[in-house]
Structure formats: C-alpha cells, structure tokens
Amino acid sequence: MILQSKRNVSSEGLTINRLYPVIAYEINLDNDISACKIMDDNRSLSWRQIDRFDVVSYTKEGYIKAGDDNRVLKYLYENLSDKDFFVDYYSENEKSIIASEKLENAFISILSNELDSKELLSYLEILGYQDENADLLVKAFFIKAKENDINIFAKMLYDKIYMLNNYLFEIIIKSLSYYKTTEIESIFMELYINSSSYSEEIMKIVSNYLNI
C-alpha cells in the first residue's frame, strides 16, 4: 500500500506529492475508517488517517495480520514482523542501524512490488531528484526495469546528471554500469571528460565501462 500526501503539513512531517509506503494499517470495524503507519519526514513511524492522502496503491499483498480486537483489524508488512523491530528502530545503537536498513528494504520492496517501472519514473520526475526519498524510487526502479526502461531513464538523466547529490549519483552510476547501451555510454563518456569532478571509485566504474 502506498500513499501520496495531498498537501504540505510541516507540523506533521508531510510533503505534498511525496510517496509514503505503508508499513502497517488498521481498519476500524465500527466506522470503516482506515489508519496507516508510515515514516514521516522526521523519520518517525507514525499512524495517520488515510484521508490526508491520495491512495496510489491499495495492494494488501505482503501484509500479515498483527492482531485485532472487537473493533479494529491490524496488519503489518511481513518484512517487519520481528517483534523487536519498532523497539530497535528507536534504540539509537547498532540495532537501530540494522532496523533502519530493514525499513529501507521494506520501502523499496513495497514500491517495486506495487508500481511498474514507468510509474516509478513518473513519480521521480514529479518529486525531483533532490527529493529525500528519490533514492528509494531509483532503487525500486532498477529492480523492475527492463533494458528499454533503462534506455528511457538514461535519456531522461543525461541533462540532469549534474543535479544529483553524491549519494543518488553513486547509486545510479553503479546501477547503470550493468547495462551496455548507447545512451549510457554517452553519459559515462561525459563523466570521463569531466573526471576531476568525481571520486576515484566512480571513475574506476566509468573507465571499466568504457574500456579505457
């Protein structure tokens, strides 16, 4: 399940148009109002009423029943079903690092399972490459993408390569290096010409790709 914020609500850590994968949801049997647990922009895992969002995907696959009473049914994303996950996430130690990685993998899994490659690229264009969740969309895209999708992405990327932050830049370059296409070769040649701007690790990938 994926939600998209309808508006900016800074006090609640919500940004308009940003996608929020749902890690848990509940259905109140008395009035049929659903609440969802997301990670807000402050990195807090919080319950939100669904009426603040547009529902991008209402897929319920991958969620397991996590308890209920006479009024509420609760479901949790199965990849986060470890009973200590939520405690570990807020523990501020090594366990919190592992829990954060598990959470990121869950987000990528939800996005890649529920959106196709064209939808992922479309939302990436809407949100922009500077959006703090752009890396999740990119990672999900490379899970779903076929070679034609990669070519489309490379064409879109050519004029934007200098707008990427270092983290997103490295993710994209490493992922593109597994594909041999004219579009990607053009990007890598551009990087090679401007090699002084990039790290030794990136230039090694570029040089290997170009056989230089």
C-alpha atoms as a PDB file:
ATOM      1  CA  MET A   1       0.000   0.000   0.000  1.00  0.00           C
ATOM      2  CA  ILE A   2       1.348   3.432  -0.970  1.00  0.00           C
ATOM      3  CA  LEU A   3       0.027   6.868  -0.036  1.00  0.00           C
ATOM      4  CA  GLN A   4       0.738  10.276  -1.539  1.00  0.00           C
ATOM      5  CA  SER A   5       0.422  13.408   0.575  1.00  0.00           C
ATOM      6  CA  LYS A   6      -2.224  15.839  -0.633  1.00  0.00           C
ATOM      7  CA  ARG A   7      -0.526  18.890   0.904  1.00  0.00           C
ATOM      8  CA  ASN A   8       2.454  20.179   2.832  1.00  0.00           C
ATOM      9  CA  VAL A   9       1.913  19.777   6.571  1.00  0.00           C
ATOM     10  CA  SER A  10       5.223  20.672   8.195  1.00  0.00           C
ATOM     11  CA  SER A  11       3.897  20.116  11.718  1.00  0.00           C
ATOM     12  CA  GLU A  12       3.135  16.506  10.777  1.00  0.00           C
ATOM     13  CA  GLY A  13       6.212  15.886   8.639  1.00  0.00           C
ATOM     14  CA  LEU A  14       4.337  15.580   5.337  1.00  0.00           C
ATOM     15  CA  THR A  15       5.391  16.942   1.942  1.00  0.00           C
ATOM     16  CA  ILE A  16       2.969  17.423  -0.930  1.00  0.00           C
ATOM     17  CA  ASN A  17       3.166  14.714  -3.637  1.00  0.00           C
ATOM     18  CA  ARG A  18       5.766  12.669  -1.726  1.00  0.00           C
ATOM     19  CA  LEU A  19       5.079   8.920  -1.646  1.00  0.00           C
ATOM     20  CA  TYR A  20       4.783   7.179   1.705  1.00  0.00           C
ATOM     21  CA  PRO A  21       4.903   3.369   1.617  1.00  0.00           C
ATOM     22  CA  VAL A  22       2.651   1.904   4.304  1.00  0.00           C
ATOM     23  CA  ILE A  23       4.254  -0.460   6.815  1.00  0.00           C
ATOM     24  CA  ALA A  24       1.087  -1.165   8.806  1.00  0.00           C
ATOM     25  CA  TYR A  25      -2.590  -0.375   8.597  1.00  0.00           C
ATOM     26  CA  GLU A  26      -5.730  -0.849  10.638  1.00  0.00           C
ATOM     27  CA  ILE A  27      -9.396  -0.944   9.802  1.00  0.00           C
ATOM     28  CA  ASN A  28     -11.937   0.211  12.347  1.00  0.00           C
ATOM     29  CA  LEU A  29     -14.937  -2.074  12.018  1.00  0.00           C
ATOM     30  CA  ASP A  30     -17.257   0.461  13.665  1.00  0.00           C
ATOM     31  CA  ASN A  31     -16.934   3.159  11.014  1.00  0.00           C
ATOM     32  CA  ASP A  32     -14.695   1.612   8.339  1.00  0.00           C
ATOM     33  CA  ILE A  33     -12.067   4.376   8.642  1.00  0.00           C
ATOM     34  CA  SER A  34      -8.544   3.189   7.937  1.00  0.00           C
ATOM     35  CA  ALA A  35      -5.361   4.444   9.564  1.00  0.00           C
ATOM     36  CA  CYS A  36      -1.891   3.735   8.210  1.00  0.00           C
ATOM     37  CA  LYS A  37       1.585   3.720   9.716  1.00  0.00           C
ATOM     38  CA  ILE A  38       4.222   5.499   7.638  1.00  0.00           C
ATOM     39  CA  MET A  39       7.639   7.046   8.144  1.00  0.00           C
ATOM     40  CA  ASP A  40       7.109  10.811   8.100  1.00  0.00           C
ATOM     41  CA  ASP A  41       9.689  13.394   7.024  1.00  0.00           C
ATOM     42  CA  ASN A  42      11.081  13.489  10.569  1.00  0.00           C
ATOM     43  CA  ARG A  43      11.806   9.743  10.305  1.00  0.00           C
ATOM     44  CA  SER A  44       9.168   8.957  12.918  1.00  0.00           C
ATOM     45  CA  LEU A  45       6.969   5.908  12.412  1.00  0.00           C
ATOM     46  CA  SER A  46       3.523   7.348  12.990  1.00  0.00           C
ATOM     47  CA  TRP A  47      -0.129   6.482  12.476  1.00  0.00           C
ATOM     48  CA  ARG A  48      -2.038   8.743  10.087  1.00  0.00           C
ATOM     49  CA  GLN A  49      -5.644   8.950   8.977  1.00  0.00           C
ATOM     50  CA  ILE A  50      -5.891   7.950   5.346  1.00  0.00           C
ATOM     51  CA  ASP A  51      -7.995  10.985   4.380  1.00  0.00           C
ATOM     52  CA  ARG A  52      -4.859  13.180   4.383  1.00  0.00           C
ATOM     53  CA  PHE A  53      -3.563  11.225   1.384  1.00  0.00           C
ATOM     54  CA  ASP A  54      -4.365  10.038  -2.090  1.00  0.00           C
ATOM     55  CA  VAL A  55      -4.064   6.265  -2.298  1.00  0.00           C
ATOM     56  CA  VAL A  56      -1.543   5.454  -5.038  1.00  0.00           C
ATOM     57  CA  SER A  57      -1.745   1.695  -4.484  1.00  0.00           C
ATOM     58  CA  TYR A  58      -4.174  -0.212  -2.304  1.00  0.00           C
ATOM     59  CA  THR A  59      -2.408  -3.549  -2.640  1.00  0.00           C
ATOM     60  CA  LYS A  60      -2.681  -5.656   0.514  1.00  0.00           C
ATOM     61  CA  GLU A  61      -0.319  -8.408  -0.555  1.00  0.00           C
ATOM     62  CA  GLY A  62       2.707  -8.745   1.706  1.00  0.00           C
ATOM     63  CA  TYR A  63       0.892  -7.727   4.883  1.00  0.00           C
ATOM     64  CA  ILE A  64       0.145 -10.131   7.705  1.00  0.00           C
ATOM     65  CA  LYS A  65      -2.443  -9.957  10.439  1.00  0.00           C
ATOM     66  CA  ALA A  66      -0.844  -8.417  13.509  1.00  0.00           C
ATOM     67  CA  GLY A  67      -3.689  -8.607  15.988  1.00  0.00           C
ATOM     68  CA  ASP A  68      -7.235  -7.412  16.385  1.00  0.00           C
ATOM     69  CA  ASP A  69      -9.973  -6.828  18.900  1.00  0.00           C
ATOM     70  CA  ASN A  70     -13.728  -6.497  18.511  1.00  0.00           C
ATOM     71  CA  ARG A  71     -13.398  -3.162  16.684  1.00  0.00           C
ATOM     72  CA  VAL A  72     -10.026  -2.975  14.891  1.00  0.00           C
ATOM     73  CA  LEU A  73      -8.186  -5.254  12.477  1.00  0.00           C
ATOM     74  CA  LYS A  74      -4.420  -4.636  12.301  1.00  0.00           C
ATOM     75  CA  TYR A  75      -1.964  -5.662   9.574  1.00  0.00           C
ATOM     76  CA  LEU A  76       1.838  -5.318   9.391  1.00  0.00           C
ATOM     77  CA  TYR A  77       4.197  -5.563   6.429  1.00  0.00           C
ATOM     78  CA  GLU A  78       5.619  -9.057   6.715  1.00  0.00           C
ATOM     79  CA  ASN A  79       9.272  -7.991   6.258  1.00  0.00           C
ATOM     80  CA  LEU A  80       8.970  -6.037   9.518  1.00  0.00           C
ATOM     81  CA  SER A  81       7.208  -8.685  11.578  1.00  0.00           C
ATOM     82  CA  ASP A  82      10.107  -9.145  14.009  1.00  0.00           C
ATOM     83  CA  LYS A  83       8.592  -8.393  17.416  1.00  0.00           C
ATOM     84  CA  ASP A  84      11.563  -6.186  18.361  1.00  0.00           C
ATOM     85  CA  PHE A  85      11.666  -4.143  15.156  1.00  0.00           C
ATOM     86  CA  PHE A  86       9.963  -0.991  16.449  1.00  0.00           C
ATOM     87  CA  VAL A  87      11.946  -1.024  19.702  1.00  0.00           C
ATOM     88  CA  ASP A  88      15.194  -1.498  17.781  1.00  0.00           C
ATOM     89  CA  TYR A  89      14.353   1.323  15.363  1.00  0.00           C
ATOM     90  CA  TYR A  90      14.297   3.878  18.190  1.00  0.00           C
ATOM     91  CA  SER A  91      17.124   2.370  20.237  1.00  0.00           C
ATOM     92  CA  GLU A  92      19.876   4.701  18.891  1.00  0.00           C
ATOM     93  CA  ASN A  93      22.520   1.974  18.787  1.00  0.00           C
ATOM     94  CA  GLU A  94      23.705  -0.702  16.347  1.00  0.00           C
ATOM     95  CA  LYS A  95      20.277  -2.321  16.442  1.00  0.00           C
ATOM     96  CA  SER A  96      18.707   0.903  15.177  1.00  0.00           C
ATOM     97  CA  ILE A  97      21.062   0.897  12.175  1.00  0.00           C
ATOM     98  CA  ILE A  98      20.022  -2.658  11.291  1.00  0.00           C
ATOM     99  CA  ALA A  99      16.341  -1.766  11.798  1.00  0.00           C
ATOM    100  CA  SER A 100      16.704   1.310   9.556  1.00  0.00           C
ATOM    101  CA  GLU A 101      18.236  -0.818   6.805  1.00  0.00           C
ATOM    102  CA  LYS A 102      15.410  -3.328   7.167  1.00  0.00           C
ATOM    103  CA  LEU A 103      12.882  -0.493   6.934  1.00  0.00           C
ATOM    104  CA  GLU A 104      14.505   0.909   3.797  1.00  0.00           C
ATOM    105  CA  ASN A 105      14.439  -2.535   2.189  1.00  0.00           C
ATOM    106  CA  ALA A 106      10.746  -2.814   3.076  1.00  0.00           C
ATOM    107  CA  PHE A 107      10.017   0.544   1.424  1.00  0.00           C
ATOM    108  CA  ILE A 108      11.885  -0.494  -1.724  1.00  0.00           C
ATOM    109  CA  SER A 109      10.045  -3.820  -1.742  1.00  0.00           C
ATOM    110  CA  ILE A 110       6.648  -2.113  -1.450  1.00  0.00           C
ATOM    111  CA  LEU A 111       7.455   0.392  -4.211  1.00  0.00           C
ATOM    112  CA  SER A 112       8.854  -2.212  -6.602  1.00  0.00           C
ATOM    113  CA  ASN A 113       6.028  -4.679  -5.968  1.00  0.00           C
ATOM    114  CA  GLU A 114       3.198  -2.177  -6.338  1.00  0.00           C
ATOM    115  CA  LEU A 115       4.397   0.219  -9.058  1.00  0.00           C
ATOM    116  CA  ASP A 116       5.714  -0.563 -12.517  1.00  0.00           C
ATOM    117  CA  SER A 117       8.880   0.989 -13.937  1.00  0.00           C
ATOM    118  CA  LYS A 118       7.032   3.734 -15.841  1.00  0.00           C
ATOM    119  CA  GLU A 119       5.103   4.760 -12.729  1.00  0.00           C
ATOM    120  CA  LEU A 120       8.307   4.877 -10.681  1.00  0.00           C
ATOM    121  CA  LEU A 121       9.970   7.140 -13.254  1.00  0.00           C
ATOM    122  CA  SER A 122       6.891   9.335 -13.428  1.00  0.00           C
ATOM    123  CA  TYR A 123       6.855   9.891  -9.663  1.00  0.00           C
ATOM    124  CA  LEU A 124      10.607  10.505  -9.709  1.00  0.00           C
ATOM    125  CA  GLU A 125      10.080  13.280 -12.265  1.00  0.00           C
ATOM    126  CA  ILE A 126       7.225  14.761 -10.217  1.00  0.00           C
ATOM    127  CA  LEU A 127       9.165  14.728  -6.944  1.00  0.00           C
ATOM    128  CA  GLY A 128      12.514  15.657  -8.448  1.00  0.00           C
ATOM    129  CA  TYR A 129      15.945  14.173  -7.995  1.00  0.00           C
ATOM    130  CA  GLN A 130      16.577  16.346  -4.946  1.00  0.00           C
ATOM    131  CA  ASP A 131      13.697  14.814  -3.014  1.00  0.00           C
ATOM    132  CA  GLU A 132      14.971  12.988   0.052  1.00  0.00           C
ATOM    133  CA  ASN A 133      13.132   9.833  -0.971  1.00  0.00           C
ATOM    134  CA  ALA A 134      14.344   9.865  -4.585  1.00  0.00           C
ATOM    135  CA  ASP A 135      16.840   7.097  -3.812  1.00  0.00           C
ATOM    136  CA  LEU A 136      14.018   4.730  -2.834  1.00  0.00           C
ATOM    137  CA  LEU A 137      12.286   5.299  -6.175  1.00  0.00           C
ATOM    138  CA  VAL A 138      15.554   4.811  -8.074  1.00  0.00           C
ATOM    139  CA  LYS A 139      16.396   1.568  -6.250  1.00  0.00           C
ATOM    140  CA  ALA A 140      12.867   0.258  -6.834  1.00  0.00           C
ATOM    141  CA  PHE A 141      13.092   1.263 -10.495  1.00  0.00           C
ATOM    142  CA  PHE A 142      16.262  -0.751 -11.102  1.00  0.00           C
ATOM    143  CA  ILE A 143      14.584  -3.804  -9.552  1.00  0.00           C
ATOM    144  CA  LYS A 144      11.670  -3.555 -12.005  1.00  0.00           C
ATOM    145  CA  ALA A 145      13.310  -2.086 -15.099  1.00  0.00           C
ATOM    146  CA  LYS A 146      13.972  -3.888 -18.344  1.00  0.00           C
ATOM    147  CA  GLU A 147      16.568  -2.717 -20.873  1.00  0.00           C
ATOM    148  CA  ASN A 148      14.138  -0.446 -22.715  1.00  0.00           C
ATOM    149  CA  ASP A 149      13.184   1.188 -19.400  1.00  0.00           C
ATOM    150  CA  ILE A 150      16.884   1.711 -18.658  1.00  0.00           C
ATOM    151  CA  ASN A 151      17.357   3.451 -22.019  1.00  0.00           C
ATOM    152  CA  ILE A 152      14.411   5.757 -21.332  1.00  0.00           C
ATOM    153  CA  PHE A 153      15.832   6.578 -17.915  1.00  0.00           C
ATOM    154  CA  ALA A 154      19.303   7.259 -19.340  1.00  0.00           C
ATOM    155  CA  LYS A 155      17.857   9.694 -21.885  1.00  0.00           C
ATOM    156  CA  MET A 156      15.954  11.498 -19.125  1.00  0.00           C
ATOM    157  CA  LEU A 157      19.043  11.572 -16.949  1.00  0.00           C
ATOM    158  CA  TYR A 158      21.572  12.981 -19.411  1.00  0.00           C
ATOM    159  CA  ASP A 159      20.786  16.652 -18.743  1.00  0.00           C
ATOM    160  CA  LYS A 160      20.191  16.087 -15.022  1.00  0.00           C
ATOM    161  CA  ILE A 161      23.371  14.249 -14.066  1.00  0.00           C
ATOM    162  CA  TYR A 162      24.927  17.369 -12.518  1.00  0.00           C
ATOM    163  CA  MET A 163      21.884  17.980 -10.315  1.00  0.00           C
ATOM    164  CA  LEU A 164      22.228  14.738  -8.382  1.00  0.00           C
ATOM    165  CA  ASN A 165      23.532  14.621  -4.839  1.00  0.00           C
ATOM    166  CA  ASN A 166      26.550  12.366  -4.303  1.00  0.00           C
ATOM    167  CA  TYR A 167      24.578   9.521  -2.730  1.00  0.00           C
ATOM    168  CA  LEU A 168      21.991   9.312  -5.506  1.00  0.00           C
ATOM    169  CA  PHE A 169      24.678   9.828  -8.141  1.00  0.00           C
ATOM    170  CA  GLU A 170      26.651   6.788  -6.929  1.00  0.00           C
ATOM    171  CA  ILE A 171      23.536   4.602  -6.794  1.00  0.00           C
ATOM    172  CA  ILE A 172      22.604   5.478 -10.368  1.00  0.00           C
ATOM    173  CA  ILE A 173      26.087   5.162 -11.868  1.00  0.00           C
ATOM    174  CA  LYS A 174      26.717   1.786 -10.252  1.00  0.00           C
ATOM    175  CA  SER A 175      23.315   0.530 -11.411  1.00  0.00           C
ATOM    176  CA  LEU A 176      23.709   1.818 -14.976  1.00  0.00           C
ATOM    177  CA  SER A 177      27.128   0.171 -15.307  1.00  0.00           C
ATOM    178  CA  TYR A 178      25.473  -3.254 -15.632  1.00  0.00           C
ATOM    179  CA  TYR A 179      23.863  -2.276 -18.956  1.00  0.00           C
ATOM    180  CA  LYS A 180      25.539  -1.736 -22.329  1.00  0.00           C
ATOM    181  CA  THR A 181      23.610   0.848 -24.343  1.00  0.00           C
ATOM    182  CA  THR A 182      24.469   3.877 -26.451  1.00  0.00           C
ATOM    183  CA  GLU A 183      22.584   6.182 -24.086  1.00  0.00           C
ATOM    184  CA  ILE A 184      24.532   5.024 -21.055  1.00  0.00           C
ATOM    185  CA  GLU A 185      27.814   5.162 -22.931  1.00  0.00           C
ATOM    186  CA  SER A 186      27.107   8.829 -23.691  1.00  0.00           C
ATOM    187  CA  ILE A 187      26.591   9.563 -20.004  1.00  0.00           C
ATOM    188  CA  PHE A 188      29.733   7.714 -18.990  1.00  0.00           C
ATOM    189  CA  MET A 189      31.788   9.480 -21.670  1.00  0.00           C
ATOM    190  CA  GLU A 190      30.557  12.805 -20.330  1.00  0.00           C
ATOM    191  CA  LEU A 191      31.672  11.746 -16.852  1.00  0.00           C
ATOM    192  CA  TYR A 192      35.043  10.639 -18.188  1.00  0.00           C
ATOM    193  CA  ILE A 193      35.629  14.003 -19.848  1.00  0.00           C
ATOM    194  CA  ASN A 194      34.891  15.701 -16.524  1.00  0.00           C
ATOM    195  CA  SER A 195      36.707  13.097 -14.431  1.00  0.00           C
ATOM    196  CA  SER A 196      38.226  15.590 -11.990  1.00  0.00           C
ATOM    197  CA  SER A 197      34.776  16.198 -10.527  1.00  0.00           C
ATOM    198  CA  TYR A 198      34.199  12.635  -9.354  1.00  0.00           C
ATOM    199  CA  SER A 199      35.562  10.156  -6.858  1.00  0.00           C
ATOM    200  CA  GLU A 200      38.192   7.565  -7.688  1.00  0.00           C
ATOM    201  CA  GLU A 201      35.631   4.797  -7.153  1.00  0.00           C
ATOM    202  CA  ILE A 202      33.202   6.318  -9.661  1.00  0.00           C
ATOM    203  CA  MET A 203      35.896   6.910 -12.245  1.00  0.00           C
ATOM    204  CA  LYS A 204      37.045   3.312 -11.928  1.00  0.00           C
ATOM    205  CA  ILE A 205      33.494   2.191 -12.793  1.00  0.00           C
ATOM    206  CA  VAL A 206      33.382   4.634 -15.709  1.00  0.00           C
ATOM    207  CA  SER A 207      36.799   3.594 -17.054  1.00  0.00           C
ATOM    208  CA  ASN A 208      35.947  -0.102 -16.843  1.00  0.00           C
ATOM    209  CA  TYR A 209      32.651   0.532 -18.635  1.00  0.00           C
ATOM    210  CA  LEU A 210      34.355   2.437 -21.451  1.00  0.00           C
ATOM    211  CA  ASN A 211      37.344   0.036 -21.549  1.00  0.00           C
ATOM    212  CA  ILE A 212      39.697   2.970 -21.142  1.00  0.00           C
END
